[in-house]
């Protein structure tokens, strides 16, 4: 990470497939590429999860 005048280098953001918790009380989500289950349960509250696409920082 390079710094210039106390500002960070811009991070590339990309559309990414994720699993998102369906519970209104939980904000849990995970990248689909890092899930080992076909239909995972939320690791935070154990609720079901649904697929969606989010624009998030790219992992290299």
PDB file of N, CA and C in Angstrom:
ATOM      1  N   UNK A   1       0.833  -1.169   0.000  1.00  0.00           N
ATOM      2  CA  UNK A   1       0.000   0.000   0.000  1.00  0.00           C
ATOM      3  C   UNK A   1       0.886   1.243   0.000  1.00  0.00           C
ATOM      4  N   UNK A   2       0.681   2.104  -0.950  1.00  0.00           N
ATOM      5  CA  UNK A   2       1.483   3.314  -1.043  1.00  0.00           C
ATOM      6  C   UNK A   2       0.706   4.493  -0.455  1.00  0.00           C
ATOM      7  N   UNK A   3       1.430   5.349   0.212  1.00  0.00           N
ATOM      8  CA  UNK A   3       0.814   6.525   0.814  1.00  0.00           C
ATOM      9  C   UNK A   3       1.415   7.782   0.199  1.00  0.00           C
ATOM     10  N   UNK A   4       0.585   8.776  -0.008  1.00  0.00           N
ATOM     11  CA  UNK A   4       1.031  10.057  -0.531  1.00  0.00           C
ATOM     12  C   UNK A   4       0.144  11.121   0.075  1.00  0.00           C
ATOM     13  N   UNK A   5       0.724  12.033   0.809  1.00  0.00           N
ATOM     14  CA  UNK A   5      -0.042  13.076   1.505  1.00  0.00           C
ATOM     15  C   UNK A   5      -1.119  12.477   2.404  1.00  0.00           C
ATOM     16  N   UNK A   6      -0.776  11.404   3.108  1.00  0.00           N
ATOM     17  CA  UNK A   6      -1.680  10.722   4.040  1.00  0.00           C
ATOM     18  C   UNK A   6      -2.919  10.140   3.385  1.00  0.00           C
ATOM     19  N   UNK A   7      -2.888   9.905   2.076  1.00  0.00           N
ATOM     20  CA  UNK A   7      -4.017   9.282   1.385  1.00  0.00           C
ATOM     21  C   UNK A   7      -3.585   7.914   0.875  1.00  0.00           C
ATOM     22  N   UNK A   8      -4.460   6.950   1.033  1.00  0.00           N
ATOM     23  CA  UNK A   8      -4.155   5.612   0.551  1.00  0.00           C
ATOM     24  C   UNK A   8      -4.342   5.515  -0.953  1.00  0.00           C
ATOM     25  N   UNK A   9      -3.630   4.572  -1.530  1.00  0.00           N
ATOM     26  CA  UNK A   9      -3.776   4.271  -2.940  1.00  0.00           C
ATOM     27  C   UNK A   9      -5.188   3.734  -3.185  1.00  0.00           C
ATOM     28  N   UNK A  10      -5.856   4.136  -4.264  1.00  0.00           N
ATOM     29  CA  UNK A  10      -7.217   3.651  -4.510  1.00  0.00           C
ATOM     30  C   UNK A  10      -7.248   2.128  -4.657  1.00  0.00           C
ATOM     31  N   UNK A  11      -8.306   1.531  -4.149  1.00  0.00           N
ATOM     32  CA  UNK A  11      -8.485   0.090  -4.202  1.00  0.00           C
ATOM     33  C   UNK A  11      -9.460  -0.238  -5.321  1.00  0.00           C
ATOM     34  N   UNK A  12      -9.102  -1.221  -6.154  1.00  0.00           N
ATOM     35  CA  UNK A  12     -10.010  -1.660  -7.216  1.00  0.00           C
ATOM     36  C   UNK A  12     -11.193  -2.378  -6.597  1.00  0.00           C
ATOM     37  N   UNK A  13     -12.398  -2.010  -7.018  1.00  0.00           N
ATOM     38  CA  UNK A  13     -13.611  -2.690  -6.566  1.00  0.00           C
ATOM     39  C   UNK A  13     -14.221  -3.412  -7.750  1.00  0.00           C
ATOM     40  N   UNK A  14     -14.686  -4.630  -7.504  1.00  0.00           N
ATOM     41  CA  UNK A  14     -15.248  -5.454  -8.576  1.00  0.00           C
ATOM     42  C   UNK A  14     -16.559  -6.074  -8.125  1.00  0.00           C
ATOM     43  N   UNK A  15     -17.422  -6.399  -9.105  1.00  0.00           N
ATOM     44  CA  UNK A  15     -18.649  -7.126  -8.796  1.00  0.00           C
ATOM     45  C   UNK A  15     -18.255  -8.542  -8.410  1.00  0.00           C
ATOM     46  N   UNK A  16     -18.736  -8.992  -7.252  1.00  0.00           N
ATOM     47  CA  UNK A  16     -18.351 -10.286  -6.707  1.00  0.00           C
ATOM     48  C   UNK A  16     -19.585 -11.041  -6.245  1.00  0.00           C
ATOM     49  N   UNK A  17     -19.665 -12.336  -6.569  1.00  0.00           N
ATOM     50  CA  UNK A  17     -20.762 -13.167  -6.084  1.00  0.00           C
ATOM     51  C   UNK A  17     -20.522 -13.477  -4.613  1.00  0.00           C
ATOM     52  N   UNK A  18     -21.548 -13.258  -3.798  1.00  0.00           N
ATOM     53  CA  UNK A  18     -21.443 -13.506  -2.364  1.00  0.00           C
ATOM     54  C   UNK A  18     -22.679 -14.247  -1.869  1.00  0.00           C
ATOM     55  N   UNK A  19     -22.550 -14.837  -0.684  1.00  0.00           N
ATOM     56  CA  UNK A  19     -23.680 -15.371   0.069  1.00  0.00           C
ATOM     57  C   UNK A  19     -24.007 -14.336   1.137  1.00  0.00           C
ATOM     58  N   UNK A  20     -25.268 -13.980   1.273  1.00  0.00           N
ATOM     59  CA  UNK A  20     -25.702 -12.976   2.231  1.00  0.00           C
ATOM     60  C   UNK A  20     -26.759 -13.576   3.161  1.00  0.00           C
ATOM     61  N   UNK A  21     -26.643 -13.315   4.455  1.00  0.00           N
ATOM     62  CA  UNK A  21     -27.577 -13.840   5.444  1.00  0.00           C
ATOM     63  C   UNK A  21     -28.978 -13.256   5.208  1.00  0.00           C
ATOM     64  N   UNK A  22     -30.004 -14.096   5.328  1.00  0.00           N
ATOM     65  CA  UNK A  22     -31.378 -13.645   5.107  1.00  0.00           C
ATOM     66  C   UNK A  22     -32.008 -13.025   6.356  1.00  0.00           C
ATOM     67  N   UNK A  23     -31.379 -13.186   7.513  1.00  0.00           N
ATOM     68  CA  UNK A  23     -31.919 -12.651   8.757  1.00  0.00           C
ATOM     69  C   UNK A  23     -31.792 -11.124   8.795  1.00  0.00           C
ATOM     70  N   UNK A  24     -32.877 -10.455   9.158  1.00  0.00           N
ATOM     71  CA  UNK A  24     -32.864  -8.995   9.267  1.00  0.00           C
ATOM     72  C   UNK A  24     -31.959  -8.507  10.392  1.00  0.00           C
ATOM     73  N   UNK A  25     -31.706  -9.357  11.384  1.00  0.00           N
ATOM     74  CA  UNK A  25     -30.898  -8.972  12.534  1.00  0.00           C
ATOM     75  C   UNK A  25     -29.417  -9.250  12.338  1.00  0.00           C
ATOM     76  N   UNK A  26     -29.028  -9.779  11.185  1.00  0.00           N
ATOM     77  CA  UNK A  26     -27.636 -10.183  10.959  1.00  0.00           C
ATOM     78  C   UNK A  26     -27.116  -9.551   9.670  1.00  0.00           C
ATOM     79  N   UNK A  27     -25.895  -9.103   9.677  1.00  0.00           N
ATOM     80  CA  UNK A  27     -25.274  -8.504   8.494  1.00  0.00           C
ATOM     81  C   UNK A  27     -24.218  -9.430   7.895  1.00  0.00           C
ATOM     82  N   UNK A  28     -24.286 -10.725   8.216  1.00  0.00           N
ATOM     83  CA  UNK A  28     -23.271 -11.668   7.759  1.00  0.00           C
ATOM     84  C   UNK A  28     -23.302 -11.899   6.257  1.00  0.00           C
ATOM     85  N   UNK A  29     -22.115 -12.031   5.672  1.00  0.00           N
ATOM     86  CA  UNK A  29     -21.974 -12.377   4.265  1.00  0.00           C
ATOM     87  C   UNK A  29     -20.591 -12.966   4.042  1.00  0.00           C
ATOM     88  N   UNK A  30     -20.409 -13.674   2.932  1.00  0.00           N
ATOM     89  CA  UNK A  30     -19.104 -14.231   2.578  1.00  0.00           C
ATOM     90  C   UNK A  30     -18.997 -14.339   1.071  1.00  0.00           C
ATOM     91  N   UNK A  31     -17.775 -14.258   0.582  1.00  0.00           N
ATOM     92  CA  UNK A  31     -17.543 -14.423  -0.846  1.00  0.00           C
ATOM     93  C   UNK A  31     -17.890 -15.856  -1.244  1.00  0.00           C
ATOM     94  N   UNK A  32     -18.607 -16.012  -2.342  1.00  0.00           N
ATOM     95  CA  UNK A  32     -19.006 -17.334  -2.800  1.00  0.00           C
ATOM     96  C   UNK A  32     -17.788 -18.221  -3.074  1.00  0.00           C
ATOM     97  N   UNK A  33     -16.707 -17.637  -3.557  1.00  0.00           N
ATOM     98  CA  UNK A  33     -15.507 -18.403  -3.888  1.00  0.00           C
ATOM     99  C   UNK A  33     -14.850 -19.026  -2.653  1.00  0.00           C
ATOM    100  N   UNK A  34     -15.155 -18.517  -1.457  1.00  0.00           N
ATOM    101  CA  UNK A  34     -14.546 -19.036  -0.239  1.00  0.00           C
ATOM    102  C   UNK A  34     -15.500 -19.896   0.581  1.00  0.00           C
ATOM    103  N   UNK A  35     -16.608 -20.295  -0.017  1.00  0.00           N
ATOM    104  CA  UNK A  35     -17.564 -21.161   0.651  1.00  0.00           C
ATOM    105  C   UNK A  35     -17.373 -22.586   0.154  1.00  0.00           C
ATOM    106  N   UNK A  36     -17.352 -23.542   1.075  1.00  0.00           N
ATOM    107  CA  UNK A  36     -17.171 -24.937   0.702  1.00  0.00           C
ATOM    108  C   UNK A  36     -18.503 -25.660   0.520  1.00  0.00           C
ATOM    109  N   UNK A  37     -19.600 -25.085   1.010  1.00  0.00           N
ATOM    110  CA  UNK A  37     -20.918 -25.714   0.929  1.00  0.00           C
ATOM    111  C   UNK A  37     -21.701 -25.173  -0.268  1.00  0.00           C
ATOM    112  N   UNK A  38     -22.571 -26.020  -0.839  1.00  0.00           N
ATOM    113  CA  UNK A  38     -23.413 -25.563  -1.944  1.00  0.00           C
ATOM    114  C   UNK A  38     -24.433 -24.540  -1.480  1.00  0.00           C
ATOM    115  N   UNK A  39     -24.968 -24.712  -0.270  1.00  0.00           N
ATOM    116  CA  UNK A  39     -25.888 -23.751   0.336  1.00  0.00           C
ATOM    117  C   UNK A  39     -25.481 -23.575   1.794  1.00  0.00           C
ATOM    118  N   UNK A  40     -24.548 -22.674   2.055  1.00  0.00           N
ATOM    119  CA  UNK A  40     -24.013 -22.525   3.410  1.00  0.00           C
ATOM    120  C   UNK A  40     -25.003 -21.888   4.384  1.00  0.00           C
ATOM    121  N   UNK A  41     -24.783 -22.120   5.658  1.00  0.00           N
ATOM    122  CA  UNK A  41     -25.510 -21.441   6.735  1.00  0.00           C
ATOM    123  C   UNK A  41     -24.647 -20.267   7.170  1.00  0.00           C
ATOM    124  N   UNK A  42     -25.268 -19.232   7.677  1.00  0.00           N
ATOM    125  CA  UNK A  42     -24.535 -18.055   8.137  1.00  0.00           C
ATOM    126  C   UNK A  42     -23.593 -18.454   9.281  1.00  0.00           C
ATOM    127  N   UNK A  43     -22.321 -18.115   9.183  1.00  0.00           N
ATOM    128  CA  UNK A  43     -21.386 -18.478  10.251  1.00  0.00           C
ATOM    129  C   UNK A  43     -21.622 -17.697  11.547  1.00  0.00           C
ATOM    130  N   UNK A  44     -22.371 -16.607  11.466  1.00  0.00           N
ATOM    131  CA  UNK A  44     -22.624 -15.784  12.653  1.00  0.00           C
ATOM    132  C   UNK A  44     -23.884 -16.203  13.399  1.00  0.00           C
ATOM    133  N   UNK A  45     -24.995 -16.441  12.662  1.00  0.00           N
ATOM    134  CA  UNK A  45     -26.267 -16.722  13.336  1.00  0.00           C
ATOM    135  C   UNK A  45     -26.903 -18.052  12.925  1.00  0.00           C
ATOM    136  N   UNK A  46     -26.288 -18.764  11.987  1.00  0.00           N
ATOM    137  CA  UNK A  46     -26.745 -20.076  11.510  1.00  0.00           C
ATOM    138  C   UNK A  46     -28.035 -20.016  10.687  1.00  0.00           C
ATOM    139  N   UNK A  47     -28.444 -18.834  10.234  1.00  0.00           N
ATOM    140  CA  UNK A  47     -29.612 -18.704   9.359  1.00  0.00           C
ATOM    141  C   UNK A  47     -29.237 -19.114   7.937  1.00  0.00           C
ATOM    142  N   UNK A  48     -30.242 -19.225   7.085  1.00  0.00           N
ATOM    143  CA  UNK A  48     -29.982 -19.521   5.679  1.00  0.00           C
ATOM    144  C   UNK A  48     -29.352 -18.306   5.018  1.00  0.00           C
ATOM    145  N   UNK A  49     -28.721 -18.546   3.875  1.00  0.00           N
ATOM    146  CA  UNK A  49     -28.090 -17.469   3.128  1.00  0.00           C
ATOM    147  C   UNK A  49     -28.593 -17.503   1.694  1.00  0.00           C
ATOM    148  N   UNK A  50     -28.565 -16.340   1.018  1.00  0.00           N
ATOM    149  CA  UNK A  50     -28.975 -16.256  -0.382  1.00  0.00           C
ATOM    150  C   UNK A  50     -27.823 -15.671  -1.196  1.00  0.00           C
ATOM    151  N   UNK A  51     -27.810 -16.002  -2.481  1.00  0.00           N
ATOM    152  CA  UNK A  51     -26.773 -15.479  -3.371  1.00  0.00           C
ATOM    153  C   UNK A  51     -27.137 -14.056  -3.783  1.00  0.00           C
ATOM    154  N   UNK A  52     -26.104 -13.223  -3.892  1.00  0.00           N
ATOM    155  CA  UNK A  52     -26.273 -11.887  -4.458  1.00  0.00           C
ATOM    156  C   UNK A  52     -24.926 -11.414  -4.974  1.00  0.00           C
ATOM    157  N   UNK A  53     -24.933 -10.283  -5.648  1.00  0.00           N
ATOM    158  CA  UNK A  53     -23.705  -9.704  -6.186  1.00  0.00           C
ATOM    159  C   UNK A  53     -23.470  -8.377  -5.481  1.00  0.00           C
ATOM    160  N   UNK A  54     -22.232  -8.160  -5.015  1.00  0.00           N
ATOM    161  CA  UNK A  54     -21.856  -6.909  -4.353  1.00  0.00           C
ATOM    162  C   UNK A  54     -20.607  -6.353  -5.020  1.00  0.00           C
ATOM    163  N   UNK A  55     -20.467  -5.034  -4.962  1.00  0.00           N
ATOM    164  CA  UNK A  55     -19.245  -4.390  -5.431  1.00  0.00           C
ATOM    165  C   UNK A  55     -18.374  -4.191  -4.214  1.00  0.00           C
ATOM    166  N   UNK A  56     -17.274  -4.976  -4.155  1.00  0.00           N
ATOM    167  CA  UNK A  56     -16.392  -4.977  -2.996  1.00  0.00           C
ATOM    168  C   UNK A  56     -14.941  -4.959  -3.449  1.00  0.00           C
ATOM    169  N   UNK A  57     -14.007  -4.648  -2.549  1.00  0.00           N
ATOM    170  CA  UNK A  57     -12.589  -4.606  -2.918  1.00  0.00           C
ATOM    171  C   UNK A  57     -12.107  -5.946  -3.485  1.00  0.00           C
ATOM    172  N   UNK A  58     -11.292  -5.840  -4.516  1.00  0.00           N
ATOM    173  CA  UNK A  58     -10.730  -7.024  -5.167  1.00  0.00           C
ATOM    174  C   UNK A  58      -9.643  -7.634  -4.306  1.00  0.00           C
ATOM    175  N   UNK A  59      -9.625  -8.971  -4.250  1.00  0.00           N
ATOM    176  CA  UNK A  59      -8.547  -9.684  -3.560  1.00  0.00           C
ATOM    177  C   UNK A  59      -7.625 -10.222  -4.625  1.00  0.00           C
ATOM    178  N   UNK A  60      -6.348  -9.923  -4.475  1.00  0.00           N
ATOM    179  CA  UNK A  60      -5.371 -10.383  -5.488  1.00  0.00           C
ATOM    180  C   UNK A  60      -4.658 -11.593  -5.019  1.00  0.00           C
TER     181      UNK A  60
END
